[in-house]
Amino acid sequence: MLTDGVYAIAATLLALDISVGADLSPAEFAAALHAVLPKIGAYALSFLVIAALWRANRRIFLHTVRVDDVTINVSLLGLGLVALLPFPTSLLAEYGDQPQAVAIYSAAVALATGAQLALLLAVWKRPGHTHRQMPPALIRSWALDLGGTVAVFAVTIPLAFVLSGYAELVWLVLIPLKISLGRRSQRLERGLS
């Protein structure tokens, strides 16, 4: 319940920065709506990131039969990083044209996803922590999905300073990667039932 609560609160906090002032003239209202678009974009991106992390967390624990201190500590690290995501999201929304904001956001997502990958590896690599019928190919598919996300966001950190204003386009690489690995994981999961 703690895990679901942290993810739900982090996703909810993302929306708090999205607002338009009161008592605006029609011209001011139009300008305010235009000004809020980057906040909506950052919200949508971070909501997708948080949703993907929550989904990965649920998958891991669905197949986990044993939880110990290592699993709990790695899980808490991940939750702490997820709870922090609204801050870099607000930086990205307000200062998306600044390389530092893009780098900080990219680092936050890479770290949060890296913690999820560490959790998967902590559970998978230790005997007796997962169901016996878990195919190694499924675990590898999940690890590639998480590892690919870590790599893409980590690469964006230095690129933010070199390709200012364009580094975020690297994130689009994740779309075909996630579709491909998602389909593969679904086939493997269907084989479990």
N, C-alpha and C. Protein backbone atom coordinates (compact mmCIF):
# COMPACT_ATOMS: atom_id res chain seq x y z
N MET A 1 0.82 -1.19 0.00
CA MET A 1 0.00 0.00 0.00
C MET A 1 0.87 1.26 0.00
N LEU A 2 1.99 1.21 0.71
CA LEU A 2 2.90 2.36 0.73
C LEU A 2 3.37 2.68 -0.69
N THR A 3 3.74 1.66 -1.42
CA THR A 3 4.23 1.85 -2.78
C THR A 3 3.17 2.51 -3.67
N ASP A 4 1.97 1.96 -3.66
CA ASP A 4 0.90 2.53 -4.48
C ASP A 4 0.61 3.97 -4.06
N GLY A 5 0.66 4.24 -2.77
CA GLY A 5 0.42 5.59 -2.27
C GLY A 5 1.46 6.59 -2.74
N VAL A 6 2.72 6.19 -2.70
CA VAL A 6 3.80 7.09 -3.14
C VAL A 6 3.65 7.39 -4.63
N TYR A 7 3.39 6.37 -5.43
CA TYR A 7 3.20 6.59 -6.87
C TYR A 7 1.99 7.50 -7.13
N ALA A 8 0.89 7.26 -6.42
CA ALA A 8 -0.32 8.06 -6.62
C ALA A 8 -0.09 9.52 -6.21
N ILE A 9 0.58 9.73 -5.11
CA ILE A 9 0.84 11.10 -4.66
C ILE A 9 1.80 11.81 -5.61
N ALA A 10 2.85 11.12 -6.04
CA ALA A 10 3.80 11.73 -6.98
C ALA A 10 3.10 12.13 -8.28
N ALA A 11 2.23 11.25 -8.79
CA ALA A 11 1.50 11.57 -10.02
C ALA A 11 0.55 12.74 -9.80
N THR A 12 -0.07 12.80 -8.64
CA THR A 12 -1.00 13.88 -8.33
C THR A 12 -0.27 15.22 -8.19
N LEU A 13 0.89 15.19 -7.54
CA LEU A 13 1.66 16.43 -7.35
C LEU A 13 2.09 17.05 -8.68
N LEU A 14 2.23 16.23 -9.70
CA LEU A 14 2.62 16.75 -11.01
C LEU A 14 1.61 17.78 -11.53
N ALA A 15 0.34 17.57 -11.20
CA ALA A 15 -0.72 18.43 -11.75
C ALA A 15 -0.87 19.74 -11.00
N LEU A 16 -0.27 19.86 -9.83
CA LEU A 16 -0.48 21.06 -9.02
C LEU A 16 0.09 22.33 -9.64
N ASP A 17 1.09 22.20 -10.48
CA ASP A 17 1.69 23.37 -11.13
C ASP A 17 0.89 23.88 -12.32
N ILE A 18 -0.12 23.12 -12.73
CA ILE A 18 -0.90 23.51 -13.91
C ILE A 18 -2.10 24.34 -13.48
N SER A 19 -2.05 25.61 -13.82
CA SER A 19 -3.18 26.49 -13.50
C SER A 19 -3.14 27.73 -14.38
N VAL A 20 -4.29 28.36 -14.46
CA VAL A 20 -4.43 29.62 -15.20
C VAL A 20 -5.05 30.61 -14.22
N GLY A 21 -4.54 31.82 -14.19
CA GLY A 21 -5.02 32.84 -13.26
C GLY A 21 -6.50 33.16 -13.43
N ALA A 22 -7.04 33.82 -12.44
CA ALA A 22 -8.45 34.21 -12.44
C ALA A 22 -8.62 35.62 -13.01
N ASP A 23 -9.82 35.94 -13.40
CA ASP A 23 -10.21 37.28 -13.85
C ASP A 23 -9.31 37.82 -14.97
N LEU A 24 -9.07 37.00 -15.97
CA LEU A 24 -8.24 37.41 -17.11
C LEU A 24 -9.12 37.92 -18.24
N SER A 25 -8.61 38.89 -18.95
CA SER A 25 -9.29 39.35 -20.16
C SER A 25 -9.15 38.25 -21.21
N PRO A 26 -9.93 38.30 -22.28
CA PRO A 26 -9.80 37.27 -23.32
C PRO A 26 -8.38 37.16 -23.87
N ALA A 27 -7.70 38.26 -24.07
CA ALA A 27 -6.33 38.21 -24.58
C ALA A 27 -5.38 37.61 -23.54
N GLU A 28 -5.54 38.01 -22.29
CA GLU A 28 -4.71 37.45 -21.22
C GLU A 28 -4.98 35.96 -21.04
N PHE A 29 -6.25 35.56 -21.16
CA PHE A 29 -6.62 34.15 -21.04
C PHE A 29 -5.95 33.32 -22.13
N ALA A 30 -5.99 33.82 -23.37
CA ALA A 30 -5.35 33.11 -24.48
C ALA A 30 -3.85 32.98 -24.25
N ALA A 31 -3.23 34.05 -23.77
CA ALA A 31 -1.79 34.02 -23.47
C ALA A 31 -1.49 33.05 -22.34
N ALA A 32 -2.34 33.04 -21.32
CA ALA A 32 -2.15 32.14 -20.18
C ALA A 32 -2.29 30.68 -20.60
N LEU A 33 -3.25 30.40 -21.48
CA LEU A 33 -3.41 29.03 -21.99
C LEU A 33 -2.17 28.60 -22.78
N HIS A 34 -1.66 29.51 -23.59
CA HIS A 34 -0.45 29.20 -24.35
C HIS A 34 0.75 28.97 -23.41
N ALA A 35 0.83 29.78 -22.37
CA ALA A 35 1.95 29.66 -21.42
C ALA A 35 1.90 28.38 -20.59
N VAL A 36 0.71 27.80 -20.43
CA VAL A 36 0.57 26.59 -19.62
C VAL A 36 0.90 25.31 -20.40
N LEU A 37 1.01 25.41 -21.72
CA LEU A 37 1.28 24.23 -22.55
C LEU A 37 2.55 23.47 -22.15
N PRO A 38 3.68 24.15 -21.88
CA PRO A 38 4.86 23.40 -21.44
C PRO A 38 4.62 22.63 -20.13
N LYS A 39 3.81 23.19 -19.26
CA LYS A 39 3.50 22.50 -18.00
C LYS A 39 2.68 21.24 -18.27
N ILE A 40 1.75 21.34 -19.20
CA ILE A 40 0.94 20.17 -19.56
C ILE A 40 1.82 19.10 -20.21
N GLY A 41 2.73 19.52 -21.07
CA GLY A 41 3.66 18.58 -21.70
C GLY A 41 4.54 17.88 -20.69
N ALA A 42 5.10 18.64 -19.76
CA ALA A 42 5.95 18.05 -18.72
C ALA A 42 5.14 17.11 -17.83
N TYR A 43 3.90 17.52 -17.52
CA TYR A 43 3.01 16.67 -16.73
C TYR A 43 2.78 15.34 -17.45
N ALA A 44 2.43 15.40 -18.74
CA ALA A 44 2.14 14.19 -19.50
C ALA A 44 3.35 13.26 -19.55
N LEU A 45 4.53 13.83 -19.81
CA LEU A 45 5.75 13.04 -19.85
C LEU A 45 6.01 12.37 -18.51
N SER A 46 5.95 13.14 -17.44
CA SER A 46 6.26 12.58 -16.12
C SER A 46 5.18 11.61 -15.66
N PHE A 47 3.93 11.86 -16.04
CA PHE A 47 2.88 10.91 -15.70
C PHE A 47 3.16 9.56 -16.36
N LEU A 48 3.58 9.59 -17.64
CA LEU A 48 3.93 8.35 -18.33
C LEU A 48 5.12 7.66 -17.67
N VAL A 49 6.12 8.44 -17.26
CA VAL A 49 7.29 7.87 -16.57
C VAL A 49 6.86 7.21 -15.26
N ILE A 50 6.09 7.92 -14.46
CA ILE A 50 5.65 7.38 -13.17
C ILE A 50 4.77 6.15 -13.39
N ALA A 51 3.88 6.20 -14.37
CA ALA A 51 3.02 5.05 -14.66
C ALA A 51 3.85 3.84 -15.07
N ALA A 52 4.88 4.05 -15.89
CA ALA A 52 5.74 2.95 -16.31
C ALA A 52 6.51 2.37 -15.12
N LEU A 53 6.99 3.24 -14.24
CA LEU A 53 7.71 2.76 -13.06
C LEU A 53 6.78 2.00 -12.12
N TRP A 54 5.56 2.50 -11.95
CA TRP A 54 4.59 1.81 -11.09
C TRP A 54 4.27 0.43 -11.66
N ARG A 55 4.07 0.41 -12.97
CA ARG A 55 3.76 -0.86 -13.64
C ARG A 55 4.90 -1.86 -13.48
N ALA A 56 6.12 -1.41 -13.66
CA ALA A 56 7.29 -2.28 -13.50
C ALA A 56 7.37 -2.79 -12.06
N ASN A 57 7.12 -1.91 -11.11
CA ASN A 57 7.15 -2.29 -9.70
C ASN A 57 6.10 -3.35 -9.41
N ARG A 58 4.89 -3.17 -9.94
CA ARG A 58 3.81 -4.14 -9.73
C ARG A 58 4.19 -5.49 -10.33
N ARG A 59 4.77 -5.48 -11.51
CA ARG A 59 5.19 -6.74 -12.16
C ARG A 59 6.22 -7.47 -11.30
N ILE A 60 7.18 -6.72 -10.82
CA ILE A 60 8.23 -7.35 -10.02
C ILE A 60 7.64 -8.01 -8.79
N PHE A 61 6.81 -7.27 -8.06
CA PHE A 61 6.27 -7.83 -6.81
C PHE A 61 5.18 -8.87 -7.04
N LEU A 62 4.55 -8.87 -8.21
CA LEU A 62 3.58 -9.90 -8.53
C LEU A 62 4.26 -11.27 -8.59
N HIS A 63 5.51 -11.28 -9.01
CA HIS A 63 6.24 -12.54 -9.17
C HIS A 63 7.26 -12.77 -8.06
N THR A 64 7.23 -11.94 -7.04
CA THR A 64 8.17 -12.08 -5.92
C THR A 64 7.51 -12.89 -4.80
N VAL A 65 8.20 -13.91 -4.33
CA VAL A 65 7.65 -14.73 -3.25
C VAL A 65 8.36 -14.47 -1.92
N ARG A 66 9.50 -13.82 -1.98
CA ARG A 66 10.25 -13.57 -0.75
C ARG A 66 10.77 -12.14 -0.75
N VAL A 67 10.50 -11.42 0.32
CA VAL A 67 10.96 -10.04 0.46
C VAL A 67 11.84 -9.98 1.70
N ASP A 68 13.04 -9.43 1.53
CA ASP A 68 13.96 -9.31 2.66
C ASP A 68 14.41 -7.85 2.78
N ASP A 69 15.37 -7.61 3.66
CA ASP A 69 15.84 -6.24 3.89
C ASP A 69 16.42 -5.59 2.63
N VAL A 70 17.15 -6.37 1.83
CA VAL A 70 17.73 -5.81 0.61
C VAL A 70 16.61 -5.36 -0.33
N THR A 71 15.61 -6.21 -0.51
CA THR A 71 14.48 -5.87 -1.38
C THR A 71 13.77 -4.63 -0.87
N ILE A 72 13.54 -4.57 0.43
CA ILE A 72 12.85 -3.42 1.02
C ILE A 72 13.66 -2.14 0.85
N ASN A 73 14.97 -2.22 1.12
CA ASN A 73 15.81 -1.02 1.02
C ASN A 73 15.91 -0.50 -0.41
N VAL A 74 16.05 -1.39 -1.38
CA VAL A 74 16.12 -0.96 -2.78
C VAL A 74 14.77 -0.39 -3.20
N SER A 75 13.68 -1.00 -2.73
CA SER A 75 12.35 -0.50 -3.04
C SER A 75 12.14 0.89 -2.44
N LEU A 76 12.59 1.11 -1.22
CA LEU A 76 12.46 2.43 -0.59
C LEU A 76 13.29 3.49 -1.31
N LEU A 77 14.46 3.11 -1.77
CA LEU A 77 15.27 4.03 -2.57
C LEU A 77 14.50 4.46 -3.82
N GLY A 78 13.91 3.50 -4.50
CA GLY A 78 13.13 3.80 -5.69
C GLY A 78 11.94 4.70 -5.38
N LEU A 79 11.26 4.43 -4.27
CA LEU A 79 10.12 5.25 -3.88
C LEU A 79 10.55 6.69 -3.58
N GLY A 80 11.68 6.84 -2.93
CA GLY A 80 12.19 8.18 -2.64
C GLY A 80 12.49 8.95 -3.93
N LEU A 81 13.04 8.26 -4.90
CA LEU A 81 13.35 8.92 -6.18
C LEU A 81 12.08 9.25 -6.97
N VAL A 82 11.08 8.36 -6.90
CA VAL A 82 9.81 8.65 -7.56
C VAL A 82 9.12 9.85 -6.91
N ALA A 83 9.16 9.89 -5.58
CA ALA A 83 8.53 11.02 -4.86
C ALA A 83 9.19 12.35 -5.21
N LEU A 84 10.43 12.30 -5.64
CA LEU A 84 11.17 13.51 -6.00
C LEU A 84 10.84 14.00 -7.42
N LEU A 85 10.27 13.16 -8.27
CA LEU A 85 10.05 13.51 -9.67
C LEU A 85 9.22 14.78 -9.92
N PRO A 86 8.27 15.16 -9.07
CA PRO A 86 7.57 16.42 -9.34
C PRO A 86 8.50 17.64 -9.40
N PHE A 87 9.58 17.64 -8.63
CA PHE A 87 10.49 18.80 -8.67
C PHE A 87 11.18 18.95 -10.02
N PRO A 88 11.88 17.91 -10.53
CA PRO A 88 12.50 18.10 -11.86
C PRO A 88 11.47 18.30 -12.96
N THR A 89 10.26 17.78 -12.76
CA THR A 89 9.19 18.02 -13.74
C THR A 89 8.85 19.50 -13.79
N SER A 90 8.76 20.15 -12.63
CA SER A 90 8.47 21.59 -12.62
C SER A 90 9.62 22.38 -13.23
N LEU A 91 10.86 21.93 -13.01
CA LEU A 91 12.00 22.59 -13.66
C LEU A 91 11.89 22.47 -15.17
N LEU A 92 11.56 21.28 -15.65
CA LEU A 92 11.44 21.07 -17.09
C LEU A 92 10.31 21.92 -17.67
N ALA A 93 9.21 22.02 -16.93
CA ALA A 93 8.06 22.81 -17.41
C ALA A 93 8.38 24.29 -17.48
N GLU A 94 9.09 24.79 -16.48
CA GLU A 94 9.39 26.23 -16.41
C GLU A 94 10.63 26.62 -17.21
N TYR A 95 11.62 25.74 -17.24
CA TYR A 95 12.92 26.09 -17.83
C TYR A 95 13.39 25.04 -18.84
N GLY A 96 12.45 24.48 -19.60
CA GLY A 96 12.77 23.43 -20.56
C GLY A 96 13.77 23.84 -21.62
N ASP A 97 13.96 25.15 -21.79
CA ASP A 97 14.94 25.64 -22.77
C ASP A 97 16.34 25.74 -22.17
N GLN A 98 16.47 25.47 -20.88
CA GLN A 98 17.76 25.53 -20.20
C GLN A 98 18.36 24.13 -20.11
N PRO A 99 19.59 23.93 -20.52
CA PRO A 99 20.19 22.59 -20.48
C PRO A 99 20.24 21.99 -19.07
N GLN A 100 20.42 22.84 -18.06
CA GLN A 100 20.47 22.32 -16.69
C GLN A 100 19.16 21.66 -16.30
N ALA A 101 18.03 22.25 -16.69
CA ALA A 101 16.72 21.68 -16.35
C ALA A 101 16.53 20.33 -17.04
N VAL A 102 16.93 20.24 -18.31
CA VAL A 102 16.82 18.98 -19.04
C VAL A 102 17.74 17.94 -18.43
N ALA A 103 18.94 18.34 -18.06
CA ALA A 103 19.90 17.40 -17.45
C ALA A 103 19.40 16.91 -16.09
N ILE A 104 18.88 17.80 -15.28
CA ILE A 104 18.37 17.40 -13.96
C ILE A 104 17.18 16.46 -14.11
N TYR A 105 16.27 16.78 -15.02
CA TYR A 105 15.13 15.90 -15.25
C TYR A 105 15.60 14.52 -15.73
N SER A 106 16.51 14.52 -16.70
CA SER A 106 17.03 13.26 -17.23
C SER A 106 17.71 12.44 -16.15
N ALA A 107 18.49 13.09 -15.30
CA ALA A 107 19.16 12.38 -14.21
C ALA A 107 18.15 11.79 -13.23
N ALA A 108 17.11 12.55 -12.93
CA ALA A 108 16.09 12.06 -11.99
C ALA A 108 15.38 10.82 -12.54
N VAL A 109 15.02 10.87 -13.81
CA VAL A 109 14.34 9.71 -14.42
C VAL A 109 15.30 8.52 -14.51
N ALA A 110 16.54 8.78 -14.90
CA ALA A 110 17.53 7.69 -14.99
C ALA A 110 17.75 7.05 -13.62
N LEU A 111 17.85 7.86 -12.58
CA LEU A 111 18.05 7.31 -11.23
C LEU A 111 16.84 6.52 -10.74
N ALA A 112 15.65 7.06 -10.94
CA ALA A 112 14.43 6.36 -10.50
C ALA A 112 14.27 5.04 -11.24
N THR A 113 14.51 5.06 -12.54
CA THR A 113 14.41 3.83 -13.33
C THR A 113 15.54 2.87 -12.97
N GLY A 114 16.72 3.42 -12.71
CA GLY A 114 17.85 2.58 -12.27
C GLY A 114 17.55 1.87 -10.96
N ALA A 115 16.87 2.55 -10.06
CA ALA A 115 16.48 1.91 -8.79
C ALA A 115 15.50 0.77 -9.05
N GLN A 116 14.60 0.95 -10.01
CA GLN A 116 13.65 -0.11 -10.36
C GLN A 116 14.38 -1.29 -10.97
N LEU A 117 15.38 -1.02 -11.81
CA LEU A 117 16.21 -2.08 -12.39
C LEU A 117 16.98 -2.81 -11.30
N ALA A 118 17.52 -2.07 -10.35
CA ALA A 118 18.24 -2.68 -9.21
C ALA A 118 17.30 -3.58 -8.41
N LEU A 119 16.06 -3.15 -8.23
CA LEU A 119 15.07 -3.97 -7.52
C LEU A 119 14.81 -5.26 -8.28
N LEU A 120 14.62 -5.15 -9.59
CA LEU A 120 14.40 -6.35 -10.41
C LEU A 120 15.58 -7.31 -10.27
N LEU A 121 16.79 -6.79 -10.38
CA LEU A 121 17.98 -7.63 -10.28
C LEU A 121 18.16 -8.21 -8.88
N ALA A 122 17.82 -7.42 -7.85
CA ALA A 122 17.93 -7.90 -6.47
C ALA A 122 17.00 -9.08 -6.23
N VAL A 123 15.83 -9.03 -6.83
CA VAL A 123 14.86 -10.11 -6.66
C VAL A 123 15.22 -11.30 -7.54
N TRP A 124 15.56 -11.03 -8.78
CA TRP A 124 15.80 -12.10 -9.76
C TRP A 124 17.08 -12.89 -9.47
N LYS A 125 18.14 -12.20 -9.12
CA LYS A 125 19.45 -12.85 -8.98
C LYS A 125 19.61 -13.62 -7.67
N ARG A 126 18.66 -13.48 -6.77
CA ARG A 126 18.82 -14.13 -5.48
C ARG A 126 17.87 -15.31 -5.39
N PRO A 127 18.40 -16.50 -5.12
CA PRO A 127 17.58 -17.71 -5.11
C PRO A 127 16.41 -17.61 -4.13
N GLY A 128 15.27 -18.14 -4.58
CA GLY A 128 14.10 -18.22 -3.72
C GLY A 128 13.26 -16.96 -3.65
N HIS A 129 13.61 -15.94 -4.42
CA HIS A 129 12.85 -14.68 -4.35
C HIS A 129 11.73 -14.59 -5.40
N THR A 130 11.83 -15.37 -6.48
CA THR A 130 10.79 -15.32 -7.51
C THR A 130 10.18 -16.70 -7.70
N HIS A 131 9.01 -16.73 -8.33
CA HIS A 131 8.36 -17.99 -8.65
C HIS A 131 9.26 -18.80 -9.58
N ARG A 132 9.28 -20.09 -9.40
CA ARG A 132 10.15 -20.94 -10.22
C ARG A 132 9.81 -20.89 -11.71
N GLN A 133 8.54 -20.68 -12.03
CA GLN A 133 8.14 -20.72 -13.44
C GLN A 133 8.48 -19.44 -14.20
N MET A 134 9.09 -18.48 -13.58
CA MET A 134 9.46 -17.23 -14.27
C MET A 134 10.52 -17.53 -15.32
N PRO A 135 10.17 -17.37 -16.59
CA PRO A 135 11.18 -17.61 -17.63
C PRO A 135 12.26 -16.53 -17.59
N PRO A 136 13.51 -16.95 -17.65
CA PRO A 136 14.59 -15.95 -17.68
C PRO A 136 14.45 -14.95 -18.83
N ALA A 137 13.86 -15.38 -19.94
CA ALA A 137 13.67 -14.47 -21.08
C ALA A 137 12.74 -13.31 -20.70
N LEU A 138 11.75 -13.57 -19.86
CA LEU A 138 10.84 -12.51 -19.42
C LEU A 138 11.57 -11.51 -18.53
N ILE A 139 12.36 -12.02 -17.61
CA ILE A 139 13.14 -11.14 -16.72
C ILE A 139 14.11 -10.30 -17.55
N ARG A 140 14.76 -10.93 -18.53
CA ARG A 140 15.69 -10.20 -19.39
C ARG A 140 14.96 -9.11 -20.18
N SER A 141 13.75 -9.42 -20.64
CA SER A 141 12.97 -8.42 -21.38
C SER A 141 12.65 -7.23 -20.48
N TRP A 142 12.24 -7.49 -19.25
CA TRP A 142 11.97 -6.41 -18.31
C TRP A 142 13.23 -5.61 -18.02
N ALA A 143 14.35 -6.33 -17.84
CA ALA A 143 15.62 -5.65 -17.55
C ALA A 143 16.06 -4.79 -18.74
N LEU A 144 15.87 -5.28 -19.96
CA LEU A 144 16.21 -4.48 -21.15
C LEU A 144 15.33 -3.23 -21.24
N ASP A 145 14.06 -3.38 -20.90
CA ASP A 145 13.14 -2.24 -20.92
C ASP A 145 13.62 -1.17 -19.94
N LEU A 146 13.87 -1.57 -18.71
CA LEU A 146 14.33 -0.62 -17.69
C LEU A 146 15.72 -0.09 -18.02
N GLY A 147 16.61 -0.98 -18.42
CA GLY A 147 17.98 -0.57 -18.76
C GLY A 147 18.02 0.37 -19.95
N GLY A 148 17.16 0.13 -20.94
CA GLY A 148 17.08 1.03 -22.09
C GLY A 148 16.64 2.42 -21.69
N THR A 149 15.67 2.48 -20.77
CA THR A 149 15.20 3.78 -20.28
C THR A 149 16.31 4.51 -19.53
N VAL A 150 17.02 3.77 -18.68
CA VAL A 150 18.15 4.38 -17.95
C VAL A 150 19.17 4.92 -18.94
N ALA A 151 19.52 4.12 -19.94
CA ALA A 151 20.54 4.53 -20.90
C ALA A 151 20.12 5.77 -21.68
N VAL A 152 18.88 5.79 -22.17
CA VAL A 152 18.42 6.93 -22.96
C VAL A 152 18.43 8.21 -22.14
N PHE A 153 17.91 8.15 -20.91
CA PHE A 153 17.90 9.36 -20.10
C PHE A 153 19.30 9.75 -19.62
N ALA A 154 20.16 8.77 -19.38
CA ALA A 154 21.54 9.08 -18.97
C ALA A 154 22.30 9.75 -20.11
N VAL A 155 22.10 9.27 -21.33
CA VAL A 155 22.77 9.87 -22.49
C VAL A 155 22.29 11.31 -22.70
N THR A 156 21.05 11.57 -22.34
CA THR A 156 20.50 12.91 -22.53
C THR A 156 21.16 13.95 -21.62
N ILE A 157 21.72 13.52 -20.51
CA ILE A 157 22.34 14.47 -19.57
C ILE A 157 23.44 15.29 -20.24
N PRO A 158 24.48 14.65 -20.81
CA PRO A 158 25.49 15.49 -21.47
C PRO A 158 24.98 16.11 -22.77
N LEU A 159 24.08 15.41 -23.47
CA LEU A 159 23.55 15.96 -24.72
C LEU A 159 22.77 17.24 -24.50
N ALA A 160 22.19 17.40 -23.31
CA ALA A 160 21.44 18.62 -23.01
C ALA A 160 22.32 19.86 -23.15
N PHE A 161 23.60 19.70 -22.86
CA PHE A 161 24.53 20.83 -22.92
C PHE A 161 25.12 21.00 -24.33
N VAL A 162 25.15 19.92 -25.09
CA VAL A 162 25.72 19.97 -26.43
C VAL A 162 24.66 20.31 -27.48
N LEU A 163 23.48 19.71 -27.32
CA LEU A 163 22.39 19.90 -28.28
C LEU A 163 21.24 20.67 -27.63
N SER A 164 21.57 21.76 -27.03
CA SER A 164 20.57 22.54 -26.29
C SER A 164 19.31 22.75 -27.11
N GLY A 165 18.20 22.37 -26.53
CA GLY A 165 16.90 22.51 -27.19
C GLY A 165 16.49 21.31 -28.02
N TYR A 166 17.41 20.40 -28.29
CA TYR A 166 17.11 19.23 -29.12
C TYR A 166 17.39 17.91 -28.41
N ALA A 167 18.05 17.93 -27.30
CA ALA A 167 18.42 16.70 -26.61
C ALA A 167 17.21 15.86 -26.23
N GLU A 168 16.10 16.51 -25.92
CA GLU A 168 14.89 15.79 -25.52
C GLU A 168 14.38 14.88 -26.63
N LEU A 169 14.73 15.16 -27.87
CA LEU A 169 14.30 14.32 -28.98
C LEU A 169 14.85 12.90 -28.85
N VAL A 170 15.95 12.75 -28.13
CA VAL A 170 16.52 11.42 -27.90
C VAL A 170 15.51 10.53 -27.17
N TRP A 171 14.67 11.13 -26.36
CA TRP A 171 13.67 10.35 -25.61
C TRP A 171 12.73 9.60 -26.52
N LEU A 172 12.54 10.08 -27.75
CA LEU A 172 11.64 9.42 -28.70
C LEU A 172 12.11 8.02 -29.08
N VAL A 173 13.40 7.74 -28.88
CA VAL A 173 13.93 6.39 -29.12
C VAL A 173 13.20 5.37 -28.26
N LEU A 174 12.70 5.81 -27.12
CA LEU A 174 12.03 4.89 -26.21
C LEU A 174 10.70 4.36 -26.75
N ILE A 175 10.08 5.08 -27.65
CA ILE A 175 8.77 4.65 -28.16
C ILE A 175 8.87 3.29 -28.86
N PRO A 176 9.70 3.14 -29.90
CA PRO A 176 9.77 1.81 -30.53
C PRO A 176 10.38 0.75 -29.60
N LEU A 177 11.32 1.16 -28.76
CA LEU A 177 11.92 0.21 -27.82
C LEU A 177 10.87 -0.36 -26.87
N LYS A 178 10.08 0.51 -26.28
CA LYS A 178 9.07 0.07 -25.33
C LYS A 178 7.96 -0.73 -26.01
N ILE A 179 7.59 -0.36 -27.22
CA ILE A 179 6.57 -1.13 -27.94
C ILE A 179 7.07 -2.54 -28.22
N SER A 180 8.29 -2.63 -28.73
CA SER A 180 8.87 -3.93 -29.07
C SER A 180 9.03 -4.82 -27.83
N LEU A 181 9.64 -4.28 -26.80
CA LEU A 181 9.85 -5.07 -25.58
C LEU A 181 8.53 -5.37 -24.87
N GLY A 182 7.59 -4.44 -24.94
CA GLY A 182 6.28 -4.67 -24.34
C GLY A 182 5.56 -5.84 -24.99
N ARG A 183 5.60 -5.90 -26.30
CA ARG A 183 4.98 -7.02 -27.02
C ARG A 183 5.66 -8.34 -26.66
N ARG A 184 6.97 -8.30 -26.60
CA ARG A 184 7.72 -9.51 -26.25
C ARG A 184 7.35 -9.97 -24.84
N SER A 185 7.31 -9.05 -23.91
CA SER A 185 6.95 -9.40 -22.53
C SER A 185 5.54 -9.94 -22.45
N GLN A 186 4.61 -9.36 -23.19
CA GLN A 186 3.23 -9.87 -23.18
C GLN A 186 3.15 -11.29 -23.68
N ARG A 187 3.89 -11.61 -24.76
CA ARG A 187 3.90 -12.99 -25.26
C ARG A 187 4.44 -13.94 -24.20
N LEU A 188 5.53 -13.53 -23.56
CA LEU A 188 6.13 -14.39 -22.54
C LEU A 188 5.21 -14.54 -21.32
N GLU A 189 4.54 -13.47 -20.94
CA GLU A 189 3.62 -13.53 -19.80
C GLU A 189 2.41 -14.41 -20.11
N ARG A 190 1.92 -14.35 -21.35
CA ARG A 190 0.79 -15.22 -21.73
C ARG A 190 1.19 -16.69 -21.60
N GLY A 191 2.46 -16.98 -21.85
CA GLY A 191 2.95 -18.35 -21.72
C GLY A 191 2.93 -18.84 -20.27
N LEU A 192 2.89 -17.91 -19.31
CA LEU A 192 2.85 -18.30 -17.89
C LEU A 192 1.47 -18.77 -17.47
N SER A 193 0.42 -18.26 -18.16
CA SER A 193 -0.94 -18.60 -17.71
C SER A 193 -1.43 -19.91 -18.24
